[in-house]
């Protein structure tokens, strides 16, 4: 504690210190644009991840309907074959043919 009390502050060094501090404050203001850019970049990334998740869910539900449709098609083909038709006739009929 005595060392700090005994040392005298040079007015020139004090002025240099004050100007250095004001320059640092000016530099920190220049970063505000970068902060805003990074915020919006993160927001856009989060939004795109959300859209991707919604799209994947829609695709998954689409596969569920395809699975149901294929089960119905296979049942239709199996019924036609059981009635005495050939495989090609059954597939043609279940696809909407005569």
PDB file of N, CA and C in Angstrom:
ATOM      1  N   UNK A   1       0.824  -1.183   0.000  1.00  0.00           N
ATOM      2  CA  UNK A   1       0.000   0.000   0.000  1.00  0.00           C
ATOM      3  C   UNK A   1       0.871   1.251   0.000  1.00  0.00           C
ATOM      4  N   UNK A   2       2.003   1.187   0.701  1.00  0.00           N
ATOM      5  CA  UNK A   2       2.880   2.349   0.784  1.00  0.00           C
ATOM      6  C   UNK A   2       3.494   2.681  -0.578  1.00  0.00           C
ATOM      7  N   UNK A   3       3.729   1.661  -1.375  1.00  0.00           N
ATOM      8  CA  UNK A   3       4.351   1.893  -2.684  1.00  0.00           C
ATOM      9  C   UNK A   3       3.435   2.770  -3.534  1.00  0.00           C
ATOM     10  N   UNK A   4       2.152   2.505  -3.488  1.00  0.00           N
ATOM     11  CA  UNK A   4       1.217   3.289  -4.289  1.00  0.00           C
ATOM     12  C   UNK A   4       1.064   4.708  -3.760  1.00  0.00           C
ATOM     13  N   UNK A   5       1.158   4.865  -2.475  1.00  0.00           N
ATOM     14  CA  UNK A   5       1.035   6.202  -1.895  1.00  0.00           C
ATOM     15  C   UNK A   5       2.276   7.038  -2.149  1.00  0.00           C
ATOM     16  N   UNK A   6       3.422   6.398  -2.191  1.00  0.00           N
ATOM     17  CA  UNK A   6       4.667   7.119  -2.380  1.00  0.00           C
ATOM     18  C   UNK A   6       4.890   7.530  -3.830  1.00  0.00           C
ATOM     19  N   UNK A   7       4.350   6.785  -4.774  1.00  0.00           N
ATOM     20  CA  UNK A   7       4.591   7.122  -6.177  1.00  0.00           C
ATOM     21  C   UNK A   7       3.719   8.298  -6.581  1.00  0.00           C
ATOM     22  N   UNK A   8       4.299   9.142  -7.373  1.00  0.00           N
ATOM     23  CA  UNK A   8       3.571  10.313  -7.858  1.00  0.00           C
ATOM     24  C   UNK A   8       3.087  10.021  -9.277  1.00  0.00           C
ATOM     25  N   UNK A   9       1.923  10.530  -9.595  1.00  0.00           N
ATOM     26  CA  UNK A   9       1.362  10.331 -10.930  1.00  0.00           C
ATOM     27  C   UNK A   9       1.833  11.456 -11.823  1.00  0.00           C
ATOM     28  N   UNK A  10       2.446  11.099 -12.877  1.00  0.00           N
ATOM     29  CA  UNK A  10       2.932  12.055 -13.851  1.00  0.00           C
ATOM     30  C   UNK A  10       1.738  12.537 -14.681  1.00  0.00           C
ATOM     31  N   UNK A  11       1.528  13.845 -14.817  1.00  0.00           N
ATOM     32  CA  UNK A  11       0.372  14.352 -15.578  1.00  0.00           C
ATOM     33  C   UNK A  11       0.394  13.919 -17.047  1.00  0.00           C
ATOM     34  N   UNK A  12       1.545  13.752 -17.628  1.00  0.00           N
ATOM     35  CA  UNK A  12       1.622  13.319 -19.033  1.00  0.00           C
ATOM     36  C   UNK A  12       1.144  11.876 -19.152  1.00  0.00           C
ATOM     37  N   UNK A  13       1.563  11.035 -18.228  1.00  0.00           N
ATOM     38  CA  UNK A  13       1.113   9.638 -18.240  1.00  0.00           C
ATOM     39  C   UNK A  13      -0.391   9.547 -18.000  1.00  0.00           C
ATOM     40  N   UNK A  14      -0.901  10.436 -17.153  1.00  0.00           N
ATOM     41  CA  UNK A  14      -2.336  10.465 -16.876  1.00  0.00           C
ATOM     42  C   UNK A  14      -3.115  10.821 -18.145  1.00  0.00           C
ATOM     43  N   UNK A  15      -2.641  11.770 -18.892  1.00  0.00           N
ATOM     44  CA  UNK A  15      -3.300  12.171 -20.148  1.00  0.00           C
ATOM     45  C   UNK A  15      -3.247  11.030 -21.161  1.00  0.00           C
ATOM     46  N   UNK A  16      -2.094  10.360 -21.252  1.00  0.00           N
ATOM     47  CA  UNK A  16      -1.975   9.215 -22.161  1.00  0.00           C
ATOM     48  C   UNK A  16      -2.946   8.110 -21.777  1.00  0.00           C
ATOM     49  N   UNK A  17      -3.069   7.877 -20.471  1.00  0.00           N
ATOM     50  CA  UNK A  17      -3.980   6.846 -19.989  1.00  0.00           C
ATOM     51  C   UNK A  17      -5.431   7.185 -20.332  1.00  0.00           C
ATOM     52  N   UNK A  18      -5.801   8.445 -20.151  1.00  0.00           N
ATOM     53  CA  UNK A  18      -7.176   8.874 -20.447  1.00  0.00           C
ATOM     54  C   UNK A  18      -7.460   8.769 -21.938  1.00  0.00           C
ATOM     55  N   UNK A  19      -6.536   9.197 -22.787  1.00  0.00           N
ATOM     56  CA  UNK A  19      -6.765   9.094 -24.234  1.00  0.00           C
ATOM     57  C   UNK A  19      -6.826   7.641 -24.675  1.00  0.00           C
ATOM     58  N   UNK A  20      -6.025   6.800 -24.065  1.00  0.00           N
ATOM     59  CA  UNK A  20      -6.055   5.375 -24.406  1.00  0.00           C
ATOM     60  C   UNK A  20      -7.411   4.773 -24.039  1.00  0.00           C
ATOM     61  N   UNK A  21      -7.953   5.170 -22.890  1.00  0.00           N
ATOM     62  CA  UNK A  21      -9.253   4.653 -22.463  1.00  0.00           C
ATOM     63  C   UNK A  21     -10.370   5.119 -23.391  1.00  0.00           C
ATOM     64  N   UNK A  22     -10.317   6.363 -23.853  1.00  0.00           N
ATOM     65  CA  UNK A  22     -11.359   6.850 -24.763  1.00  0.00           C
ATOM     66  C   UNK A  22     -11.253   6.164 -26.120  1.00  0.00           C
ATOM     67  N   UNK A  23     -10.030   5.846 -26.570  1.00  0.00           N
ATOM     68  CA  UNK A  23      -9.875   5.120 -27.832  1.00  0.00           C
ATOM     69  C   UNK A  23     -10.447   3.721 -27.726  1.00  0.00           C
ATOM     70  N   UNK A  24     -10.259   3.079 -26.564  1.00  0.00           N
ATOM     71  CA  UNK A  24     -10.818   1.742 -26.366  1.00  0.00           C
ATOM     72  C   UNK A  24     -12.337   1.784 -26.382  1.00  0.00           C
ATOM     73  N   UNK A  25     -12.911   2.840 -25.831  1.00  0.00           N
ATOM     74  CA  UNK A  25     -14.367   2.979 -25.853  1.00  0.00           C
ATOM     75  C   UNK A  25     -14.863   3.159 -27.285  1.00  0.00           C
ATOM     76  N   UNK A  26     -14.140   3.903 -28.089  1.00  0.00           N
ATOM     77  CA  UNK A  26     -14.530   4.091 -29.490  1.00  0.00           C
ATOM     78  C   UNK A  26     -14.451   2.775 -30.251  1.00  0.00           C
ATOM     79  N   UNK A  27     -13.426   1.962 -29.961  1.00  0.00           N
ATOM     80  CA  UNK A  27     -13.283   0.668 -30.618  1.00  0.00           C
ATOM     81  C   UNK A  27     -14.413  -0.276 -30.236  1.00  0.00           C
ATOM     82  N   UNK A  28     -14.865  -0.202 -28.999  1.00  0.00           N
ATOM     83  CA  UNK A  28     -15.950  -1.096 -28.576  1.00  0.00           C
ATOM     84  C   UNK A  28     -17.258  -0.732 -29.263  1.00  0.00           C
ATOM     85  N   UNK A  29     -17.435   0.519 -29.625  1.00  0.00           N
ATOM     86  CA  UNK A  29     -18.651   0.915 -30.344  1.00  0.00           C
ATOM     87  C   UNK A  29     -18.654   0.347 -31.758  1.00  0.00           C
ATOM     88  N   UNK A  30     -17.494   0.134 -32.331  1.00  0.00           N
ATOM     89  CA  UNK A  30     -17.416  -0.431 -33.675  1.00  0.00           C
ATOM     90  C   UNK A  30     -17.873  -1.880 -33.698  1.00  0.00           C
ATOM     91  N   UNK A  31     -17.827  -2.569 -32.563  1.00  0.00           N
ATOM     92  CA  UNK A  31     -18.227  -3.967 -32.490  1.00  0.00           C
ATOM     93  C   UNK A  31     -19.742  -4.145 -32.427  1.00  0.00           C
ATOM     94  N   UNK A  32     -20.481  -3.085 -32.207  1.00  0.00           N
ATOM     95  CA  UNK A  32     -21.932  -3.247 -32.065  1.00  0.00           C
ATOM     96  C   UNK A  32     -22.559  -3.755 -33.360  1.00  0.00           C
ATOM     97  N   UNK A  33     -22.038  -3.357 -34.499  1.00  0.00           N
ATOM     98  CA  UNK A  33     -22.539  -3.870 -35.771  1.00  0.00           C
ATOM     99  C   UNK A  33     -22.293  -5.354 -35.921  1.00  0.00           C
ATOM    100  N   UNK A  34     -21.133  -5.805 -35.464  1.00  0.00           N
ATOM    101  CA  UNK A  34     -20.806  -7.231 -35.531  1.00  0.00           C
ATOM    102  C   UNK A  34     -21.702  -8.032 -34.599  1.00  0.00           C
ATOM    103  N   UNK A  35     -22.015  -7.457 -33.440  1.00  0.00           N
ATOM    104  CA  UNK A  35     -22.889  -8.144 -32.495  1.00  0.00           C
ATOM    105  C   UNK A  35     -24.284  -8.316 -33.093  1.00  0.00           C
ATOM    106  N   UNK A  36     -24.780  -7.266 -33.722  1.00  0.00           N
ATOM    107  CA  UNK A  36     -26.097  -7.357 -34.358  1.00  0.00           C
ATOM    108  C   UNK A  36     -26.087  -8.377 -35.485  1.00  0.00           C
ATOM    109  N   UNK A  37     -25.022  -8.386 -36.260  1.00  0.00           N
ATOM    110  CA  UNK A  37     -24.907  -9.347 -37.355  1.00  0.00           C
ATOM    111  C   UNK A  37     -24.892 -10.772 -36.821  1.00  0.00           C
ATOM    112  N   UNK A  38     -24.140 -11.008 -35.766  1.00  0.00           N
ATOM    113  CA  UNK A  38     -24.067 -12.340 -35.185  1.00  0.00           C
ATOM    114  C   UNK A  38     -25.405 -12.752 -34.584  1.00  0.00           C
ATOM    115  N   UNK A  39     -26.127 -11.800 -33.994  1.00  0.00           N
ATOM    116  CA  UNK A  39     -27.453 -12.097 -33.452  1.00  0.00           C
ATOM    117  C   UNK A  39     -28.401 -12.526 -34.565  1.00  0.00           C
ATOM    118  N   UNK A  40     -28.435 -11.770 -35.641  1.00  0.00           N
ATOM    119  CA  UNK A  40     -29.324 -12.111 -36.748  1.00  0.00           C
ATOM    120  C   UNK A  40     -28.894 -13.404 -37.432  1.00  0.00           C
ATOM    121  N   UNK A  41     -27.600 -13.642 -37.520  1.00  0.00           N
ATOM    122  CA  UNK A  41     -27.107 -14.895 -38.088  1.00  0.00           C
ATOM    123  C   UNK A  41     -27.590 -16.080 -37.249  1.00  0.00           C
ATOM    124  N   UNK A  42     -27.466 -15.970 -35.925  1.00  0.00           N
ATOM    125  CA  UNK A  42     -27.945 -17.028 -35.042  1.00  0.00           C
ATOM    126  C   UNK A  42     -29.446 -17.217 -35.144  1.00  0.00           C
ATOM    127  N   UNK A  43     -30.167 -16.120 -35.253  1.00  0.00           N
ATOM    128  CA  UNK A  43     -31.624 -16.186 -35.385  1.00  0.00           C
ATOM    129  C   UNK A  43     -32.018 -16.876 -36.682  1.00  0.00           C
ATOM    130  N   UNK A  44     -31.325 -16.567 -37.766  1.00  0.00           N
ATOM    131  CA  UNK A  44     -31.609 -17.205 -39.060  1.00  0.00           C
ATOM    132  C   UNK A  44     -31.258 -18.688 -39.005  1.00  0.00           C
ATOM    133  N   UNK A  45     -30.146 -19.038 -38.368  1.00  0.00           N
ATOM    134  CA  UNK A  45     -29.769 -20.443 -38.222  1.00  0.00           C
ATOM    135  C   UNK A  45     -30.830 -21.217 -37.442  1.00  0.00           C
ATOM    136  N   UNK A  46     -31.302 -20.624 -36.366  1.00  0.00           N
ATOM    137  CA  UNK A  46     -32.331 -21.263 -35.551  1.00  0.00           C
ATOM    138  C   UNK A  46     -33.616 -21.431 -36.344  1.00  0.00           C
ATOM    139  N   UNK A  47     -33.979 -20.409 -37.107  1.00  0.00           N
ATOM    140  CA  UNK A  47     -35.180 -20.490 -37.944  1.00  0.00           C
ATOM    141  C   UNK A  47     -35.070 -21.551 -39.013  1.00  0.00           C
ATOM    142  N   UNK A  48     -33.914 -21.656 -39.630  1.00  0.00           N
ATOM    143  CA  UNK A  48     -33.752 -22.668 -40.673  1.00  0.00           C
ATOM    144  C   UNK A  48     -33.765 -24.072 -40.082  1.00  0.00           C
ATOM    145  N   UNK A  49     -33.244 -24.235 -38.873  1.00  0.00           N
ATOM    146  CA  UNK A  49     -33.311 -25.544 -38.212  1.00  0.00           C
ATOM    147  C   UNK A  49     -34.761 -25.913 -37.903  1.00  0.00           C
ATOM    148  N   UNK A  50     -35.543 -24.934 -37.505  1.00  0.00           N
ATOM    149  CA  UNK A  50     -36.955 -25.173 -37.219  1.00  0.00           C
ATOM    150  C   UNK A  50     -37.700 -25.579 -38.494  1.00  0.00           C
ATOM    151  N   UNK A  51     -37.436 -24.889 -39.590  1.00  0.00           N
ATOM    152  CA  UNK A  51     -38.078 -25.221 -40.865  1.00  0.00           C
ATOM    153  C   UNK A  51     -37.671 -26.623 -41.314  1.00  0.00           C
ATOM    154  N   UNK A  52     -36.415 -26.980 -41.128  1.00  0.00           N
ATOM    155  CA  UNK A  52     -35.949 -28.325 -41.483  1.00  0.00           C
ATOM    156  C   UNK A  52     -36.657 -29.391 -40.663  1.00  0.00           C
ATOM    157  N   UNK A  53     -36.864 -29.115 -39.381  1.00  0.00           N
ATOM    158  CA  UNK A  53     -37.554 -30.081 -38.524  1.00  0.00           C
ATOM    159  C   UNK A  53     -39.003 -30.264 -38.978  1.00  0.00           C
ATOM    160  N   UNK A  54     -39.660 -29.187 -39.339  1.00  0.00           N
ATOM    161  CA  UNK A  54     -41.043 -29.267 -39.822  1.00  0.00           C
ATOM    162  C   UNK A  54     -41.094 -30.062 -41.128  1.00  0.00           C
ATOM    163  N   UNK A  55     -40.141 -29.810 -42.022  1.00  0.00           N
ATOM    164  CA  UNK A  55     -40.106 -30.527 -43.296  1.00  0.00           C
ATOM    165  C   UNK A  55     -39.880 -32.026 -43.084  1.00  0.00           C
ATOM    166  N   UNK A  56     -38.991 -32.372 -42.173  1.00  0.00           N
ATOM    167  CA  UNK A  56     -38.750 -33.788 -41.894  1.00  0.00           C
ATOM    168  C   UNK A  56     -39.980 -34.463 -41.294  1.00  0.00           C
ATOM    169  N   UNK A  57     -40.704 -33.742 -40.452  1.00  0.00           N
ATOM    170  CA  UNK A  57     -41.936 -34.298 -39.887  1.00  0.00           C
ATOM    171  C   UNK A  57     -42.970 -34.521 -40.988  1.00  0.00           C
ATOM    172  N   UNK A  58     -43.073 -33.585 -41.924  1.00  0.00           N
ATOM    173  CA  UNK A  58     -44.010 -33.743 -43.035  1.00  0.00           C
ATOM    174  C   UNK A  58     -43.640 -34.945 -43.894  1.00  0.00           C
ATOM    175  N   UNK A  59     -42.359 -35.142 -44.132  1.00  0.00           N
ATOM    176  CA  UNK A  59     -41.911 -36.306 -44.910  1.00  0.00           C
ATOM    177  C   UNK A  59     -42.245 -37.595 -44.180  1.00  0.00           C
ATOM    178  N   UNK A  60     -42.053 -37.605 -42.862  1.00  0.00           N
ATOM    179  CA  UNK A  60     -42.353 -38.803 -42.071  1.00  0.00           C
ATOM    180  C   UNK A  60     -43.838 -39.149 -42.150  1.00  0.00           C
ATOM    181  N   UNK A  61     -44.690 -38.135 -42.046  1.00  0.00           N
ATOM    182  CA  UNK A  61     -46.129 -38.400 -42.165  1.00  0.00           C
ATOM    183  C   UNK A  61     -46.487 -38.869 -43.572  1.00  0.00           C
ATOM    184  N   UNK A  62     -45.774 -38.384 -44.566  1.00  0.00           N
ATOM    185  CA  UNK A  62     -45.988 -38.844 -45.939  1.00  0.00           C
ATOM    186  C   UNK A  62     -45.655 -40.316 -46.091  1.00  0.00           C
ATOM    187  N   UNK A  63     -44.600 -40.762 -45.428  1.00  0.00           N
ATOM    188  CA  UNK A  63     -44.246 -42.181 -45.481  1.00  0.00           C
ATOM    189  C   UNK A  63     -45.300 -43.048 -44.794  1.00  0.00           C
ATOM    190  N   UNK A  64     -45.939 -42.515 -43.760  1.00  0.00           N
ATOM    191  CA  UNK A  64     -46.997 -43.278 -43.084  1.00  0.00           C
ATOM    192  C   UNK A  64     -48.154 -43.544 -44.047  1.00  0.00           C
ATOM    193  N   UNK A  65     -48.533 -42.541 -44.831  1.00  0.00           N
ATOM    194  CA  UNK A  65     -49.631 -42.747 -45.768  1.00  0.00           C
ATOM    195  C   UNK A  65     -49.224 -43.697 -46.900  1.00  0.00           C
ATOM    196  N   UNK A  66     -47.973 -43.648 -47.321  1.00  0.00           N
ATOM    197  CA  UNK A  66     -47.487 -44.576 -48.349  1.00  0.00           C
ATOM    198  C   UNK A  66     -47.525 -46.001 -47.816  1.00  0.00           C
ATOM    199  N   UNK A  67     -47.185 -46.174 -46.565  1.00  0.00           N
ATOM    200  CA  UNK A  67     -47.205 -47.499 -45.952  1.00  0.00           C
ATOM    201  C   UNK A  67     -48.633 -48.054 -45.920  1.00  0.00           C
ATOM    202  N   UNK A  68     -49.594 -47.209 -45.553  1.00  0.00           N
ATOM    203  CA  UNK A  68     -51.000 -47.652 -45.522  1.00  0.00           C
ATOM    204  C   UNK A  68     -51.475 -48.012 -46.927  1.00  0.00           C
ATOM    205  N   UNK A  69     -51.105 -47.175 -47.892  1.00  0.00           N
ATOM    206  CA  UNK A  69     -51.522 -47.421 -49.273  1.00  0.00           C
ATOM    207  C   UNK A  69     -50.925 -48.724 -49.805  1.00  0.00           C
ATOM    208  N   UNK A  70     -49.674 -49.003 -49.452  1.00  0.00           N
ATOM    209  CA  UNK A  70     -49.058 -50.248 -49.931  1.00  0.00           C
ATOM    210  C   UNK A  70     -49.707 -51.476 -49.286  1.00  0.00           C
ATOM    211  N   UNK A  71     -50.122 -51.348 -48.029  1.00  0.00           N
ATOM    212  CA  UNK A  71     -50.826 -52.460 -47.382  1.00  0.00           C
ATOM    213  C   UNK A  71     -52.152 -52.742 -48.095  1.00  0.00           C
ATOM    214  N   UNK A  72     -52.877 -51.669 -48.424  1.00  0.00           N
ATOM    215  CA  UNK A  72     -54.152 -51.840 -49.132  1.00  0.00           C
ATOM    216  C   UNK A  72     -53.930 -52.454 -50.518  1.00  0.00           C
ATOM    217  N   UNK A  73     -52.881 -52.006 -51.201  1.00  0.00           N
ATOM    218  CA  UNK A  73     -52.575 -52.542 -52.523  1.00  0.00           C
ATOM    219  C   UNK A  73     -52.246 -54.029 -52.435  1.00  0.00           C
ATOM    220  N   UNK A  74     -51.425 -54.406 -51.447  1.00  0.00           N
ATOM    221  CA  UNK A  74     -51.061 -55.819 -51.280  1.00  0.00           C
ATOM    222  C   UNK A  74     -52.279 -56.680 -50.956  1.00  0.00           C
ATOM    223  N   UNK A  75     -53.215 -56.152 -50.147  1.00  0.00           N
ATOM    224  CA  UNK A  75     -54.448 -56.885 -49.851  1.00  0.00           C
ATOM    225  C   UNK A  75     -55.279 -57.068 -51.109  1.00  0.00           C
ATOM    226  N   UNK A  76     -55.346 -56.030 -51.917  1.00  0.00           N
ATOM    227  CA  UNK A  76     -56.109 -56.092 -53.161  1.00  0.00           C
ATOM    228  C   UNK A  76     -55.527 -57.163 -54.088  1.00  0.00           C
ATOM    229  N   UNK A  77     -54.213 -57.137 -54.238  1.00  0.00           N
ATOM    230  CA  UNK A  77     -53.547 -58.118 -55.102  1.00  0.00           C
ATOM    231  C   UNK A  77     -53.781 -59.536 -54.572  1.00  0.00           C
ATOM    232  N   UNK A  78     -53.657 -59.705 -53.258  1.00  0.00           N
ATOM    233  CA  UNK A  78     -53.844 -61.034 -52.656  1.00  0.00           C
ATOM    234  C   UNK A  78     -55.271 -61.537 -52.891  1.00  0.00           C
ATOM    235  N   UNK A  79     -56.281 -60.661 -52.811  1.00  0.00           N
ATOM    236  CA  UNK A  79     -57.673 -61.063 -53.031  1.00  0.00           C
ATOM    237  C   UNK A  79     -57.907 -61.503 -54.475  1.00  0.00           C
ATOM    238  N   UNK A  80     -57.336 -60.749 -55.401  1.00  0.00           N
ATOM    239  CA  UNK A  80     -57.529 -61.079 -56.821  1.00  0.00           C
ATOM    240  C   UNK A  80     -56.853 -62.421 -57.126  1.00  0.00           C
ATOM    241  N   UNK A  81     -55.665 -62.646 -56.577  1.00  0.00           N
ATOM    242  CA  UNK A  81     -54.967 -63.919 -56.810  1.00  0.00           C
ATOM    243  C   UNK A  81     -55.756 -65.073 -56.183  1.00  0.00           C
ATOM    244  N   UNK A  82     -56.337 -64.844 -54.983  1.00  0.00           N
ATOM    245  CA  UNK A  82     -57.140 -65.888 -54.332  1.00  0.00           C
ATOM    246  C   UNK A  82     -58.394 -66.225 -55.142  1.00  0.00           C
ATOM    247  N   UNK A  83     -58.912 -65.241 -55.880  1.00  0.00           N
ATOM    248  CA  UNK A  83     -60.100 -65.471 -56.705  1.00  0.00           C
ATOM    249  C   UNK A  83     -59.763 -66.196 -58.007  1.00  0.00           C
ATOM    250  N   UNK A  84     -58.498 -66.441 -58.255  1.00  0.00           N
ATOM    251  CA  UNK A  84     -58.118 -67.213 -59.427  1.00  0.00           C
ATOM    252  C   UNK A  84     -57.446 -66.393 -60.517  1.00  0.00           C
ATOM    253  N   UNK A  85     -57.151 -65.152 -60.286  1.00  0.00           N
ATOM    254  CA  UNK A  85     -56.485 -64.329 -61.297  1.00  0.00           C
ATOM    255  C   UNK A  85     -54.978 -64.504 -61.245  1.00  0.00           C
ATOM    256  N   UNK A  86     -54.308 -64.063 -62.296  1.00  0.00           N
ATOM    257  CA  UNK A  86     -52.842 -64.122 -62.330  1.00  0.00           C
ATOM    258  C   UNK A  86     -52.271 -62.878 -61.631  1.00  0.00           C
ATOM    259  N   UNK A  87     -50.972 -62.915 -61.418  1.00  0.00           N
ATOM    260  CA  UNK A  87     -50.314 -61.777 -60.764  1.00  0.00           C
ATOM    261  C   UNK A  87     -50.450 -60.505 -61.584  1.00  0.00           C
ATOM    262  N   UNK A  88     -50.226 -60.602 -62.888  1.00  0.00           N
ATOM    263  CA  UNK A  88     -50.293 -59.411 -63.736  1.00  0.00           C
ATOM    264  C   UNK A  88     -51.713 -58.851 -63.794  1.00  0.00           C
ATOM    265  N   UNK A  89     -52.717 -59.725 -63.825  1.00  0.00           N
ATOM    266  CA  UNK A  89     -54.097 -59.249 -63.825  1.00  0.00           C
ATOM    267  C   UNK A  89     -54.432 -58.560 -62.498  1.00  0.00           C
ATOM    268  N   UNK A  90     -53.944 -59.124 -61.398  1.00  0.00           N
ATOM    269  CA  UNK A  90     -54.215 -58.543 -60.085  1.00  0.00           C
ATOM    270  C   UNK A  90     -53.581 -57.168 -59.945  1.00  0.00           C
ATOM    271  N   UNK A  91     -52.344 -57.040 -60.393  1.00  0.00           N
ATOM    272  CA  UNK A  91     -51.662 -55.744 -60.298  1.00  0.00           C
ATOM    273  C   UNK A  91     -52.340 -54.720 -61.184  1.00  0.00           C
ATOM    274  N   UNK A  92     -52.704 -55.112 -62.407  1.00  0.00           N
ATOM    275  CA  UNK A  92     -53.396 -54.205 -63.320  1.00  0.00           C
ATOM    276  C   UNK A  92     -54.714 -53.735 -62.721  1.00  0.00           C
ATOM    277  N   UNK A  93     -55.470 -54.656 -62.137  1.00  0.00           N
ATOM    278  CA  UNK A  93     -56.776 -54.323 -61.564  1.00  0.00           C
ATOM    279  C   UNK A  93     -56.618 -53.375 -60.364  1.00  0.00           C
ATOM    280  N   UNK A  94     -55.647 -53.666 -59.487  1.00  0.00           N
ATOM    281  CA  UNK A  94     -55.463 -52.848 -58.288  1.00  0.00           C
ATOM    282  C   UNK A  94     -54.874 -51.476 -58.614  1.00  0.00           C
ATOM    283  N   UNK A  95     -54.235 -51.344 -59.759  1.00  0.00           N
ATOM    284  CA  UNK A  95     -53.734 -50.031 -60.190  1.00  0.00           C
ATOM    285  C   UNK A  95     -54.830 -49.189 -60.832  1.00  0.00           C
ATOM    286  N   UNK A  96     -56.006 -49.746 -60.972  1.00  0.00           N
ATOM    287  CA  UNK A  96     -57.100 -48.968 -61.552  1.00  0.00           C
ATOM    288  C   UNK A  96     -57.486 -49.456 -62.922  1.00  0.00           C
ATOM    289  N   UNK A  97     -56.913 -50.548 -63.365  1.00  0.00           N
ATOM    290  CA  UNK A  97     -57.258 -51.099 -64.678  1.00  0.00           C
ATOM    291  C   UNK A  97     -58.546 -51.898 -64.607  1.00  0.00           C
ATOM    292  N   UNK A  98     -58.914 -52.530 -65.691  1.00  0.00           N
ATOM    293  CA  UNK A  98     -60.175 -53.301 -65.721  1.00  0.00           C
ATOM    294  C   UNK A  98     -60.020 -54.634 -65.077  1.00  0.00           C
TER     295      UNK A  98
END
